[in-house]
């Protein structure tokens, strides 16, 4: 059961991170394991908060788009629309979650040397 949960967290988190920071096509290397690494090195409350925040966004399409599919099953255009709607949400806590995950996404995506090169940072 734990393996299934870890696999879903990888897929969902990586798709959210890649959509938030589209530096390269597809899922950047290392982004899918970012949460696992976070759980290994961070205090539990930080890792738990980060995981819950990503899952809120990954499971938001039914609420923000009216589509009963998780984030990773949306087209790139639908993902972008969902992210724009979350960023423009009237509820401040939701915008705060979005901003926190966006910062996380930047760290997760920049673990990939190809992404660093794409944004002008050389390894």
PDB file of N, CA and C in Angstrom:
ATOM      1  N   UNK A   1       0.822  -1.190   0.000  1.00  0.00           N
ATOM      2  CA  UNK A   1       0.000   0.000   0.000  1.00  0.00           C
ATOM      3  C   UNK A   1       0.873   1.264   0.000  1.00  0.00           C
ATOM      4  N   UNK A   2       1.951   1.219   0.806  1.00  0.00           N
ATOM      5  CA  UNK A   2       2.835   2.380   0.871  1.00  0.00           C
ATOM      6  C   UNK A   2       3.477   2.653  -0.484  1.00  0.00           C
ATOM      7  N   UNK A   3       3.861   1.583  -1.203  1.00  0.00           N
ATOM      8  CA  UNK A   3       4.473   1.751  -2.519  1.00  0.00           C
ATOM      9  C   UNK A   3       3.515   2.425  -3.505  1.00  0.00           C
ATOM     10  N   UNK A   4       2.245   2.045  -3.434  1.00  0.00           N
ATOM     11  CA  UNK A   4       1.246   2.643  -4.316  1.00  0.00           C
ATOM     12  C   UNK A   4       1.100   4.126  -3.992  1.00  0.00           C
ATOM     13  N   UNK A   5       1.043   4.453  -2.701  1.00  0.00           N
ATOM     14  CA  UNK A   5       0.911   5.853  -2.288  1.00  0.00           C
ATOM     15  C   UNK A   5       2.129   6.662  -2.739  1.00  0.00           C
ATOM     16  N   UNK A   6       3.315   6.096  -2.601  1.00  0.00           N
ATOM     17  CA  UNK A   6       4.538   6.792  -3.021  1.00  0.00           C
ATOM     18  C   UNK A   6       4.521   6.999  -4.529  1.00  0.00           C
ATOM     19  N   UNK A   7       4.073   5.992  -5.269  1.00  0.00           N
ATOM     20  CA  UNK A   7       4.024   6.104  -6.731  1.00  0.00           C
ATOM     21  C   UNK A   7       3.059   7.213  -7.155  1.00  0.00           C
ATOM     22  N   UNK A   8       1.872   7.241  -6.556  1.00  0.00           N
ATOM     23  CA  UNK A   8       0.914   8.292  -6.892  1.00  0.00           C
ATOM     24  C   UNK A   8       1.457   9.662  -6.516  1.00  0.00           C
ATOM     25  N   UNK A   9       2.073   9.761  -5.351  1.00  0.00           N
ATOM     26  CA  UNK A   9       2.641  11.049  -4.932  1.00  0.00           C
ATOM     27  C   UNK A   9       3.707  11.499  -5.919  1.00  0.00           C
ATOM     28  N   UNK A  10       4.523  10.569  -6.409  1.00  0.00           N
ATOM     29  CA  UNK A  10       5.552  10.910  -7.399  1.00  0.00           C
ATOM     30  C   UNK A  10       4.935  11.457  -8.670  1.00  0.00           C
ATOM     31  N   UNK A  11       3.975  10.726  -9.209  1.00  0.00           N
ATOM     32  CA  UNK A  11       3.348  11.121 -10.472  1.00  0.00           C
ATOM     33  C   UNK A  11       2.621  12.444 -10.320  1.00  0.00           C
ATOM     34  N   UNK A  12       1.829  12.569  -9.274  1.00  0.00           N
ATOM     35  CA  UNK A  12       1.029  13.785  -9.088  1.00  0.00           C
ATOM     36  C   UNK A  12       1.924  14.991  -8.821  1.00  0.00           C
ATOM     37  N   UNK A  13       2.872  14.838  -7.920  1.00  0.00           N
ATOM     38  CA  UNK A  13       3.751  15.957  -7.588  1.00  0.00           C
ATOM     39  C   UNK A  13       4.583  16.366  -8.795  1.00  0.00           C
ATOM     40  N   UNK A  14       5.161  15.407  -9.486  1.00  0.00           N
ATOM     41  CA  UNK A  14       6.005  15.728 -10.639  1.00  0.00           C
ATOM     42  C   UNK A  14       5.219  16.456 -11.713  1.00  0.00           C
ATOM     43  N   UNK A  15       3.971  16.057 -11.933  1.00  0.00           N
ATOM     44  CA  UNK A  15       3.171  16.730 -12.963  1.00  0.00           C
ATOM     45  C   UNK A  15       2.856  18.165 -12.546  1.00  0.00           C
ATOM     46  N   UNK A  16       2.587  18.383 -11.276  1.00  0.00           N
ATOM     47  CA  UNK A  16       2.325  19.735 -10.784  1.00  0.00           C
ATOM     48  C   UNK A  16       3.586  20.585 -10.908  1.00  0.00           C
ATOM     49  N   UNK A  17       4.721  20.047 -10.471  1.00  0.00           N
ATOM     50  CA  UNK A  17       5.978  20.798 -10.541  1.00  0.00           C
ATOM     51  C   UNK A  17       6.319  21.157 -11.985  1.00  0.00           C
ATOM     52  N   UNK A  18       6.202  20.187 -12.895  1.00  0.00           N
ATOM     53  CA  UNK A  18       6.553  20.423 -14.298  1.00  0.00           C
ATOM     54  C   UNK A  18       5.638  21.464 -14.933  1.00  0.00           C
ATOM     55  N   UNK A  19       4.360  21.464 -14.566  1.00  0.00           N
ATOM     56  CA  UNK A  19       3.428  22.454 -15.125  1.00  0.00           C
ATOM     57  C   UNK A  19       3.694  23.844 -14.564  1.00  0.00           C
ATOM     58  N   UNK A  20       4.122  23.916 -13.320  1.00  0.00           N
ATOM     59  CA  UNK A  20       4.386  25.220 -12.708  1.00  0.00           C
ATOM     60  C   UNK A  20       5.674  25.846 -13.211  1.00  0.00           C
ATOM     61  N   UNK A  21       6.652  25.015 -13.546  1.00  0.00           N
ATOM     62  CA  UNK A  21       7.943  25.511 -14.046  1.00  0.00           C
ATOM     63  C   UNK A  21       8.262  24.715 -15.325  1.00  0.00           C
ATOM     64  N   UNK A  22       7.640  25.116 -16.445  1.00  0.00           N
ATOM     65  CA  UNK A  22       7.824  24.348 -17.690  1.00  0.00           C
ATOM     66  C   UNK A  22       9.130  24.681 -18.405  1.00  0.00           C
ATOM     67  N   UNK A  23      10.232  24.329 -17.801  1.00  0.00           N
ATOM     68  CA  UNK A  23      11.542  24.657 -18.376  1.00  0.00           C
ATOM     69  C   UNK A  23      11.916  23.725 -19.517  1.00  0.00           C
ATOM     70  N   UNK A  24      11.517  22.465 -19.419  1.00  0.00           N
ATOM     71  CA  UNK A  24      11.807  21.475 -20.460  1.00  0.00           C
ATOM     72  C   UNK A  24      10.536  20.665 -20.704  1.00  0.00           C
ATOM     73  N   UNK A  25      10.424  20.043 -21.868  1.00  0.00           N
ATOM     74  CA  UNK A  25       9.250  19.200 -22.113  1.00  0.00           C
ATOM     75  C   UNK A  25       9.252  17.984 -21.178  1.00  0.00           C
ATOM     76  N   UNK A  26       8.095  17.592 -20.737  1.00  0.00           N
ATOM     77  CA  UNK A  26       7.983  16.414 -19.887  1.00  0.00           C
ATOM     78  C   UNK A  26       8.325  16.702 -18.436  1.00  0.00           C
ATOM     79  N   UNK A  27       8.567  15.616 -17.702  1.00  0.00           N
ATOM     80  CA  UNK A  27       8.878  15.697 -16.276  1.00  0.00           C
ATOM     81  C   UNK A  27      10.397  15.753 -16.109  1.00  0.00           C
ATOM     82  N   UNK A  28      10.916  16.804 -15.514  1.00  0.00           N
ATOM     83  CA  UNK A  28      12.361  16.894 -15.295  1.00  0.00           C
ATOM     84  C   UNK A  28      12.877  15.796 -14.364  1.00  0.00           C
ATOM     85  N   UNK A  29      14.089  15.355 -14.620  1.00  0.00           N
ATOM     86  CA  UNK A  29      14.710  14.345 -13.763  1.00  0.00           C
ATOM     87  C   UNK A  29      14.833  14.871 -12.341  1.00  0.00           C
ATOM     88  N   UNK A  30      14.493  14.054 -11.389  1.00  0.00           N
ATOM     89  CA  UNK A  30      14.618  14.440  -9.991  1.00  0.00           C
ATOM     90  C   UNK A  30      13.351  15.041  -9.408  1.00  0.00           C
ATOM     91  N   UNK A  31      12.500  15.599 -10.251  1.00  0.00           N
ATOM     92  CA  UNK A  31      11.280  16.233  -9.744  1.00  0.00           C
ATOM     93  C   UNK A  31      10.335  15.211  -9.124  1.00  0.00           C
ATOM     94  N   UNK A  32      10.292  14.016  -9.714  1.00  0.00           N
ATOM     95  CA  UNK A  32       9.363  13.008  -9.209  1.00  0.00           C
ATOM     96  C   UNK A  32       9.782  12.455  -7.842  1.00  0.00           C
ATOM     97  N   UNK A  33      11.033  12.617  -7.485  1.00  0.00           N
ATOM     98  CA  UNK A  33      11.503  12.108  -6.188  1.00  0.00           C
ATOM     99  C   UNK A  33      11.706  13.222  -5.156  1.00  0.00           C
ATOM    100  N   UNK A  34      11.316  14.425  -5.501  1.00  0.00           N
ATOM    101  CA  UNK A  34      11.527  15.550  -4.605  1.00  0.00           C
ATOM    102  C   UNK A  34      10.842  15.345  -3.256  1.00  0.00           C
ATOM    103  N   UNK A  35       9.587  14.905  -3.258  1.00  0.00           N
ATOM    104  CA  UNK A  35       8.878  14.707  -1.990  1.00  0.00           C
ATOM    105  C   UNK A  35       9.519  13.614  -1.149  1.00  0.00           C
ATOM    106  N   UNK A  36       9.967  12.549  -1.796  1.00  0.00           N
ATOM    107  CA  UNK A  36      10.648  11.483  -1.050  1.00  0.00           C
ATOM    108  C   UNK A  36      11.901  12.022  -0.362  1.00  0.00           C
ATOM    109  N   UNK A  37      12.663  12.802  -1.091  1.00  0.00           N
ATOM    110  CA  UNK A  37      13.874  13.390  -0.509  1.00  0.00           C
ATOM    111  C   UNK A  37      13.514  14.354   0.615  1.00  0.00           C
ATOM    112  N   UNK A  38      12.433  15.096   0.421  1.00  0.00           N
ATOM    113  CA  UNK A  38      11.978  16.025   1.447  1.00  0.00           C
ATOM    114  C   UNK A  38      11.608  15.272   2.730  1.00  0.00           C
ATOM    115  N   UNK A  39      10.918  14.141   2.577  1.00  0.00           N
ATOM    116  CA  UNK A  39      10.549  13.336   3.748  1.00  0.00           C
ATOM    117  C   UNK A  39      11.790  12.788   4.459  1.00  0.00           C
ATOM    118  N   UNK A  40      12.825  12.514   3.685  1.00  0.00           N
ATOM    119  CA  UNK A  40      14.036  11.944   4.272  1.00  0.00           C
ATOM    120  C   UNK A  40      14.851  12.978   5.059  1.00  0.00           C
ATOM    121  N   UNK A  41      14.875  14.236   4.611  1.00  0.00           N
ATOM    122  CA  UNK A  41      15.774  15.211   5.220  1.00  0.00           C
ATOM    123  C   UNK A  41      15.086  16.313   6.026  1.00  0.00           C
ATOM    124  N   UNK A  42      13.780  16.461   5.886  1.00  0.00           N
ATOM    125  CA  UNK A  42      13.073  17.569   6.554  1.00  0.00           C
ATOM    126  C   UNK A  42      12.309  17.090   7.779  1.00  0.00           C
ATOM    127  N   UNK A  43      11.978  18.014   8.667  1.00  0.00           N
ATOM    128  CA  UNK A  43      11.100  17.655   9.781  1.00  0.00           C
ATOM    129  C   UNK A  43       9.741  17.181   9.231  1.00  0.00           C
ATOM    130  N   UNK A  44       9.103  16.305   9.949  1.00  0.00           N
ATOM    131  CA  UNK A  44       7.836  15.722   9.498  1.00  0.00           C
ATOM    132  C   UNK A  44       6.800  16.783   9.163  1.00  0.00           C
ATOM    133  N   UNK A  45       6.683  17.820   9.975  1.00  0.00           N
ATOM    134  CA  UNK A  45       5.653  18.837   9.708  1.00  0.00           C
ATOM    135  C   UNK A  45       5.909  19.576   8.406  1.00  0.00           C
ATOM    136  N   UNK A  46       7.158  19.771   8.036  1.00  0.00           N
ATOM    137  CA  UNK A  46       7.484  20.426   6.767  1.00  0.00           C
ATOM    138  C   UNK A  46       7.153  19.493   5.604  1.00  0.00           C
ATOM    139  N   UNK A  47       7.582  18.255   5.700  1.00  0.00           N
ATOM    140  CA  UNK A  47       7.319  17.283   4.634  1.00  0.00           C
ATOM    141  C   UNK A  47       5.825  17.033   4.477  1.00  0.00           C
ATOM    142  N   UNK A  48       5.111  16.925   5.576  1.00  0.00           N
ATOM    143  CA  UNK A  48       3.672  16.686   5.514  1.00  0.00           C
ATOM    144  C   UNK A  48       2.952  17.885   4.892  1.00  0.00           C
ATOM    145  N   UNK A  49       3.300  19.073   5.316  1.00  0.00           N
ATOM    146  CA  UNK A  49       2.693  20.271   4.742  1.00  0.00           C
ATOM    147  C   UNK A  49       2.942  20.387   3.260  1.00  0.00           C
ATOM    148  N   UNK A  50       4.160  20.101   2.840  1.00  0.00           N
ATOM    149  CA  UNK A  50       4.510  20.169   1.422  1.00  0.00           C
ATOM    150  C   UNK A  50       3.741  19.139   0.613  1.00  0.00           C
ATOM    151  N   UNK A  51       3.627  17.947   1.152  1.00  0.00           N
ATOM    152  CA  UNK A  51       2.911  16.879   0.462  1.00  0.00           C
ATOM    153  C   UNK A  51       1.428  17.203   0.333  1.00  0.00           C
ATOM    154  N   UNK A  52       0.832  17.665   1.411  1.00  0.00           N
ATOM    155  CA  UNK A  52      -0.596  18.014   1.382  1.00  0.00           C
ATOM    156  C   UNK A  52      -0.834  19.149   0.387  1.00  0.00           C
ATOM    157  N   UNK A  53       0.036  20.143   0.369  1.00  0.00           N
ATOM    158  CA  UNK A  53      -0.128  21.274  -0.546  1.00  0.00           C
ATOM    159  C   UNK A  53      -0.092  20.817  -2.001  1.00  0.00           C
ATOM    160  N   UNK A  54       0.844  19.934  -2.334  1.00  0.00           N
ATOM    161  CA  UNK A  54       0.925  19.421  -3.702  1.00  0.00           C
ATOM    162  C   UNK A  54      -0.325  18.613  -4.038  1.00  0.00           C
ATOM    163  N   UNK A  55      -0.784  17.807  -3.102  1.00  0.00           N
ATOM    164  CA  UNK A  55      -1.963  16.987  -3.360  1.00  0.00           C
ATOM    165  C   UNK A  55      -3.218  17.841  -3.522  1.00  0.00           C
ATOM    166  N   UNK A  56      -3.296  18.952  -2.818  1.00  0.00           N
ATOM    167  CA  UNK A  56      -4.431  19.869  -2.997  1.00  0.00           C
ATOM    168  C   UNK A  56      -4.486  20.330  -4.450  1.00  0.00           C
ATOM    169  N   UNK A  57      -3.353  20.696  -4.998  1.00  0.00           N
ATOM    170  CA  UNK A  57      -3.321  21.147  -6.395  1.00  0.00           C
ATOM    171  C   UNK A  57      -3.551  19.978  -7.348  1.00  0.00           C
ATOM    172  N   UNK A  58      -2.941  18.845  -7.070  1.00  0.00           N
ATOM    173  CA  UNK A  58      -3.085  17.679  -7.948  1.00  0.00           C
ATOM    174  C   UNK A  58      -4.532  17.189  -8.020  1.00  0.00           C
ATOM    175  N   UNK A  59      -5.272  17.383  -6.956  1.00  0.00           N
ATOM    176  CA  UNK A  59      -6.659  16.905  -6.917  1.00  0.00           C
ATOM    177  C   UNK A  59      -7.679  18.024  -7.118  1.00  0.00           C
ATOM    178  N   UNK A  60      -7.231  19.199  -7.507  1.00  0.00           N
ATOM    179  CA  UNK A  60      -8.118  20.361  -7.652  1.00  0.00           C
ATOM    180  C   UNK A  60      -8.950  20.432  -8.930  1.00  0.00           C
ATOM    181  N   UNK A  61      -8.632  19.740 -10.015  1.00  0.00           N
ATOM    182  CA  UNK A  61      -9.400  19.913 -11.251  1.00  0.00           C
ATOM    183  C   UNK A  61     -10.921  19.775 -11.126  1.00  0.00           C
ATOM    184  N   UNK A  62     -11.449  18.862 -10.327  1.00  0.00           N
ATOM    185  CA  UNK A  62     -12.914  18.836 -10.222  1.00  0.00           C
ATOM    186  C   UNK A  62     -13.497  20.150  -9.699  1.00  0.00           C
ATOM    187  N   UNK A  63     -12.777  20.812  -8.813  1.00  0.00           N
ATOM    188  CA  UNK A  63     -13.273  22.064  -8.243  1.00  0.00           C
ATOM    189  C   UNK A  63     -13.002  23.274  -9.128  1.00  0.00           C
ATOM    190  N   UNK A  64     -11.839  23.341  -9.726  1.00  0.00           N
ATOM    191  CA  UNK A  64     -11.475  24.539 -10.486  1.00  0.00           C
ATOM    192  C   UNK A  64     -11.828  24.455 -11.966  1.00  0.00           C
ATOM    193  N   UNK A  65     -11.963  23.236 -12.493  1.00  0.00           N
ATOM    194  CA  UNK A  65     -12.278  23.078 -13.915  1.00  0.00           C
ATOM    195  C   UNK A  65     -13.582  22.326 -14.169  1.00  0.00           C
ATOM    196  N   UNK A  66     -14.084  21.653 -13.138  1.00  0.00           N
ATOM    197  CA  UNK A  66     -15.270  20.828 -13.329  1.00  0.00           C
ATOM    198  C   UNK A  66     -14.979  19.547 -14.087  1.00  0.00           C
ATOM    199  N   UNK A  67     -13.730  19.121 -14.088  1.00  0.00           N
ATOM    200  CA  UNK A  67     -13.326  17.882 -14.773  1.00  0.00           C
ATOM    201  C   UNK A  67     -12.906  16.865 -13.724  1.00  0.00           C
ATOM    202  N   UNK A  68     -13.427  15.676 -13.827  1.00  0.00           N
ATOM    203  CA  UNK A  68     -13.162  14.642 -12.826  1.00  0.00           C
ATOM    204  C   UNK A  68     -11.941  13.827 -13.196  1.00  0.00           C
ATOM    205  N   UNK A  69     -10.845  14.532 -13.386  1.00  0.00           N
ATOM    206  CA  UNK A  69      -9.563  13.877 -13.651  1.00  0.00           C
ATOM    207  C   UNK A  69      -8.516  14.523 -12.770  1.00  0.00           C
ATOM    208  N   UNK A  70      -7.540  13.735 -12.306  1.00  0.00           N
ATOM    209  CA  UNK A  70      -6.454  14.358 -11.541  1.00  0.00           C
ATOM    210  C   UNK A  70      -5.595  15.212 -12.467  1.00  0.00           C
ATOM    211  N   UNK A  71      -4.810  16.066 -11.866  1.00  0.00           N
ATOM    212  CA  UNK A  71      -4.002  17.041 -12.588  1.00  0.00           C
ATOM    213  C   UNK A  71      -3.140  16.405 -13.670  1.00  0.00           C
ATOM    214  N   UNK A  72      -2.510  15.289 -13.376  1.00  0.00           N
ATOM    215  CA  UNK A  72      -1.577  14.694 -14.338  1.00  0.00           C
ATOM    216  C   UNK A  72      -2.273  14.127 -15.571  1.00  0.00           C
ATOM    217  N   UNK A  73      -3.584  13.988 -15.542  1.00  0.00           N
ATOM    218  CA  UNK A  73      -4.339  13.473 -16.691  1.00  0.00           C
ATOM    219  C   UNK A  73      -4.908  14.596 -17.570  1.00  0.00           C
ATOM    220  N   UNK A  74      -4.681  15.842 -17.186  1.00  0.00           N
ATOM    221  CA  UNK A  74      -5.155  16.975 -17.970  1.00  0.00           C
ATOM    222  C   UNK A  74      -4.181  17.285 -19.102  1.00  0.00           C
ATOM    223  N   UNK A  75      -4.679  17.949 -20.135  1.00  0.00           N
ATOM    224  CA  UNK A  75      -3.787  18.423 -21.200  1.00  0.00           C
ATOM    225  C   UNK A  75      -2.964  19.584 -20.642  1.00  0.00           C
ATOM    226  N   UNK A  76      -1.931  19.956 -21.353  1.00  0.00           N
ATOM    227  CA  UNK A  76      -1.084  21.074 -20.907  1.00  0.00           C
ATOM    228  C   UNK A  76      -1.903  22.361 -20.786  1.00  0.00           C
ATOM    229  N   UNK A  77      -2.823  22.577 -21.709  1.00  0.00           N
ATOM    230  CA  UNK A  77      -3.670  23.779 -21.664  1.00  0.00           C
ATOM    231  C   UNK A  77      -4.597  23.739 -20.448  1.00  0.00           C
ATOM    232  N   UNK A  78      -5.162  22.578 -20.158  1.00  0.00           N
ATOM    233  CA  UNK A  78      -6.038  22.447 -18.996  1.00  0.00           C
ATOM    234  C   UNK A  78      -5.256  22.639 -17.695  1.00  0.00           C
ATOM    235  N   UNK A  79      -4.040  22.110 -17.656  1.00  0.00           N
ATOM    236  CA  UNK A  79      -3.205  22.308 -16.473  1.00  0.00           C
ATOM    237  C   UNK A  79      -2.926  23.790 -16.265  1.00  0.00           C
ATOM    238  N   UNK A  80      -2.592  24.476 -17.331  1.00  0.00           N
ATOM    239  CA  UNK A  80      -2.310  25.908 -17.227  1.00  0.00           C
ATOM    240  C   UNK A  80      -3.543  26.674 -16.755  1.00  0.00           C
ATOM    241  N   UNK A  81      -4.700  26.331 -17.285  1.00  0.00           N
ATOM    242  CA  UNK A  81      -5.946  26.980 -16.862  1.00  0.00           C
ATOM    243  C   UNK A  81      -6.206  26.730 -15.383  1.00  0.00           C
ATOM    244  N   UNK A  82      -6.009  25.485 -14.950  1.00  0.00           N
ATOM    245  CA  UNK A  82      -6.227  25.154 -13.532  1.00  0.00           C
ATOM    246  C   UNK A  82      -5.280  25.962 -12.645  1.00  0.00           C
ATOM    247  N   UNK A  83      -4.022  26.058 -13.037  1.00  0.00           N
ATOM    248  CA  UNK A  83      -3.055  26.822 -12.243  1.00  0.00           C
ATOM    249  C   UNK A  83      -3.415  28.304 -12.195  1.00  0.00           C
ATOM    250  N   UNK A  84      -3.855  28.859 -13.310  1.00  0.00           N
ATOM    251  CA  UNK A  84      -4.258  30.274 -13.324  1.00  0.00           C
ATOM    252  C   UNK A  84      -5.467  30.511 -12.426  1.00  0.00           C
ATOM    253  N   UNK A  85      -6.394  29.580 -12.441  1.00  0.00           N
ATOM    254  CA  UNK A  85      -7.576  29.738 -11.586  1.00  0.00           C
ATOM    255  C   UNK A  85      -7.210  29.620 -10.111  1.00  0.00           C
ATOM    256  N   UNK A  86      -6.297  28.712  -9.791  1.00  0.00           N
ATOM    257  CA  UNK A  86      -5.867  28.589  -8.394  1.00  0.00           C
ATOM    258  C   UNK A  86      -5.133  29.848  -7.943  1.00  0.00           C
ATOM    259  N   UNK A  87      -4.297  30.371  -8.812  1.00  0.00           N
ATOM    260  CA  UNK A  87      -3.559  31.586  -8.471  1.00  0.00           C
ATOM    261  C   UNK A  87      -4.496  32.774  -8.274  1.00  0.00           C
ATOM    262  N   UNK A  88      -5.601  32.792  -9.005  1.00  0.00           N
ATOM    263  CA  UNK A  88      -6.553  33.883  -8.894  1.00  0.00           C
ATOM    264  C   UNK A  88      -7.694  33.612  -7.929  1.00  0.00           C
ATOM    265  N   UNK A  89      -7.577  32.562  -7.142  1.00  0.00           N
ATOM    266  CA  UNK A  89      -8.652  32.204  -6.211  1.00  0.00           C
ATOM    267  C   UNK A  89      -8.900  33.326  -5.209  1.00  0.00           C
ATOM    268  N   UNK A  90     -10.161  33.481  -4.842  1.00  0.00           N
ATOM    269  CA  UNK A  90     -10.508  34.521  -3.863  1.00  0.00           C
ATOM    270  C   UNK A  90     -10.031  34.143  -2.468  1.00  0.00           C
ATOM    271  N   UNK A  91      -9.953  32.860  -2.194  1.00  0.00           N
ATOM    272  CA  UNK A  91      -9.538  32.386  -0.867  1.00  0.00           C
ATOM    273  C   UNK A  91      -8.021  32.543  -0.717  1.00  0.00           C
ATOM    274  N   UNK A  92      -7.626  33.381   0.214  1.00  0.00           N
ATOM    275  CA  UNK A  92      -6.203  33.638   0.422  1.00  0.00           C
ATOM    276  C   UNK A  92      -5.421  32.368   0.778  1.00  0.00           C
ATOM    277  N   UNK A  93      -5.948  31.475   1.641  1.00  0.00           N
ATOM    278  CA  UNK A  93      -5.178  30.263   1.947  1.00  0.00           C
ATOM    279  C   UNK A  93      -4.867  29.419   0.709  1.00  0.00           C
ATOM    280  N   UNK A  94      -5.769  29.405  -0.248  1.00  0.00           N
ATOM    281  CA  UNK A  94      -5.523  28.646  -1.470  1.00  0.00           C
ATOM    282  C   UNK A  94      -4.420  29.301  -2.301  1.00  0.00           C
ATOM    283  N   UNK A  95      -4.424  30.619  -2.370  1.00  0.00           N
ATOM    284  CA  UNK A  95      -3.338  31.317  -3.083  1.00  0.00           C
ATOM    285  C   UNK A  95      -2.009  31.110  -2.368  1.00  0.00           C
ATOM    286  N   UNK A  96      -2.039  31.046  -1.061  1.00  0.00           N
ATOM    287  CA  UNK A  96      -0.830  30.806  -0.275  1.00  0.00           C
ATOM    288  C   UNK A  96      -0.284  29.400  -0.546  1.00  0.00           C
ATOM    289  N   UNK A  97      -1.167  28.411  -0.605  1.00  0.00           N
ATOM    290  CA  UNK A  97      -0.763  27.038  -0.946  1.00  0.00           C
ATOM    291  C   UNK A  97      -0.129  27.028  -2.331  1.00  0.00           C
ATOM    292  N   UNK A  98      -0.754  27.723  -3.277  1.00  0.00           N
ATOM    293  CA  UNK A  98      -0.232  27.784  -4.639  1.00  0.00           C
ATOM    294  C   UNK A  98       1.187  28.352  -4.644  1.00  0.00           C
ATOM    295  N   UNK A  99       1.385  29.443  -3.936  1.00  0.00           N
ATOM    296  CA  UNK A  99       2.696  30.091  -3.905  1.00  0.00           C
ATOM    297  C   UNK A  99       3.741  29.184  -3.259  1.00  0.00           C
ATOM    298  N   UNK A 100       3.383  28.506  -2.194  1.00  0.00           N
ATOM    299  CA  UNK A 100       4.322  27.593  -1.532  1.00  0.00           C
ATOM    300  C   UNK A 100       4.721  26.458  -2.466  1.00  0.00           C
ATOM    301  N   UNK A 101       3.748  25.894  -3.178  1.00  0.00           N
ATOM    302  CA  UNK A 101       4.056  24.796  -4.101  1.00  0.00           C
ATOM    303  C   UNK A 101       4.872  25.307  -5.282  1.00  0.00           C
ATOM    304  N   UNK A 102       4.626  26.520  -5.719  1.00  0.00           N
ATOM    305  CA  UNK A 102       5.413  27.090  -6.823  1.00  0.00           C
ATOM    306  C   UNK A 102       6.885  27.195  -6.423  1.00  0.00           C
ATOM    307  N   UNK A 103       7.153  27.616  -5.192  1.00  0.00           N
ATOM    308  CA  UNK A 103       8.546  27.676  -4.723  1.00  0.00           C
ATOM    309  C   UNK A 103       9.155  26.272  -4.655  1.00  0.00           C
ATOM    310  N   UNK A 104       8.379  25.328  -4.170  1.00  0.00           N
ATOM    311  CA  UNK A 104       8.813  23.936  -4.118  1.00  0.00           C
ATOM    312  C   UNK A 104       9.112  23.434  -5.529  1.00  0.00           C
ATOM    313  N   UNK A 105       8.230  23.772  -6.472  1.00  0.00           N
ATOM    314  CA  UNK A 105       8.384  23.320  -7.855  1.00  0.00           C
ATOM    315  C   UNK A 105       9.691  23.817  -8.455  1.00  0.00           C
ATOM    316  N   UNK A 106      10.031  25.039  -8.157  1.00  0.00           N
ATOM    317  CA  UNK A 106      11.275  25.592  -8.691  1.00  0.00           C
ATOM    318  C   UNK A 106      12.474  24.794  -8.189  1.00  0.00           C
ATOM    319  N   UNK A 107      12.483  24.484  -6.915  1.00  0.00           N
ATOM    320  CA  UNK A 107      13.577  23.687  -6.351  1.00  0.00           C
ATOM    321  C   UNK A 107      13.578  22.285  -6.957  1.00  0.00           C
ATOM    322  N   UNK A 108      12.391  21.685  -7.075  1.00  0.00           N
ATOM    323  CA  UNK A 108      12.286  20.322  -7.615  1.00  0.00           C
ATOM    324  C   UNK A 108      12.748  20.253  -9.062  1.00  0.00           C
ATOM    325  N   UNK A 109      12.304  21.187  -9.874  1.00  0.00           N
ATOM    326  CA  UNK A 109      12.623  21.174 -11.299  1.00  0.00           C
ATOM    327  C   UNK A 109      14.092  21.512 -11.554  1.00  0.00           C
ATOM    328  N   UNK A 110      14.649  22.419 -10.770  1.00  0.00           N
ATOM    329  CA  UNK A 110      16.044  22.806 -11.000  1.00  0.00           C
ATOM    330  C   UNK A 110      17.046  21.743 -10.538  1.00  0.00           C
ATOM    331  N   UNK A 111      16.560  20.630 -10.047  1.00  0.00           N
ATOM    332  CA  UNK A 111      17.453  19.505  -9.756  1.00  0.00           C
ATOM    333  C   UNK A 111      17.968  18.871 -11.048  1.00  0.00           C
ATOM    334  N   UNK A 112      17.265  19.108 -12.143  1.00  0.00           N
ATOM    335  CA  UNK A 112      17.615  18.541 -13.444  1.00  0.00           C
ATOM    336  C   UNK A 112      18.617  19.455 -14.145  1.00  0.00           C
ATOM    337  N   UNK A 113      19.794  18.941 -14.523  1.00  0.00           N
ATOM    338  CA  UNK A 113      20.789  19.771 -15.206  1.00  0.00           C
ATOM    339  C   UNK A 113      20.266  20.383 -16.508  1.00  0.00           C
ATOM    340  N   UNK A 114      19.395  19.662 -17.233  1.00  0.00           N
ATOM    341  CA  UNK A 114      18.830  20.204 -18.472  1.00  0.00           C
ATOM    342  C   UNK A 114      17.957  21.420 -18.189  1.00  0.00           C
ATOM    343  N   UNK A 115      17.237  21.390 -17.084  1.00  0.00           N
ATOM    344  CA  UNK A 115      16.406  22.539 -16.699  1.00  0.00           C
ATOM    345  C   UNK A 115      17.267  23.727 -16.305  1.00  0.00           C
ATOM    346  N   UNK A 116      18.339  23.444 -15.569  1.00  0.00           N
ATOM    347  CA  UNK A 116      19.241  24.554 -15.193  1.00  0.00           C
ATOM    348  C   UNK A 116      19.820  25.216 -16.423  1.00  0.00           C
ATOM    349  N   UNK A 117      20.204  24.405 -17.412  1.00  0.00           N
ATOM    350  CA  UNK A 117      20.739  24.958 -18.666  1.00  0.00           C
ATOM    351  C   UNK A 117      19.656  25.756 -19.398  1.00  0.00           C
ATOM    352  N   UNK A 118      18.416  25.235 -19.407  1.00  0.00           N
ATOM    353  CA  UNK A 118      17.310  25.888 -20.133  1.00  0.00           C
ATOM    354  C   UNK A 118      16.993  27.269 -19.570  1.00  0.00           C
ATOM    355  N   UNK A 119      17.205  27.455 -18.272  1.00  0.00           N
ATOM    356  CA  UNK A 119      16.923  28.764 -17.668  1.00  0.00           C
ATOM    357  C   UNK A 119      18.187  29.610 -17.529  1.00  0.00           C
ATOM    358  N   UNK A 120      19.304  29.127 -18.059  1.00  0.00           N
ATOM    359  CA  UNK A 120      20.518  29.928 -18.053  1.00  0.00           C
ATOM    360  C   UNK A 120      21.440  29.704 -16.879  1.00  0.00           C
ATOM    361  N   UNK A 121      21.167  28.681 -16.089  1.00  0.00           N
ATOM    362  CA  UNK A 121      22.067  28.334 -14.977  1.00  0.00           C
ATOM    363  C   UNK A 121      22.901  27.151 -15.400  1.00  0.00           C
ATOM    364  N   UNK A 122      24.187  27.289 -15.349  1.00  0.00           N
ATOM    365  CA  UNK A 122      25.059  26.191 -15.781  1.00  0.00           C
ATOM    366  C   UNK A 122      25.502  25.394 -14.571  1.00  0.00           C
ATOM    367  N   UNK A 123      25.474  24.050 -14.699  1.00  0.00           N
ATOM    368  CA  UNK A 123      25.878  23.213 -13.556  1.00  0.00           C
ATOM    369  C   UNK A 123      27.343  23.383 -13.196  1.00  0.00           C
TER     370      UNK A 123
END
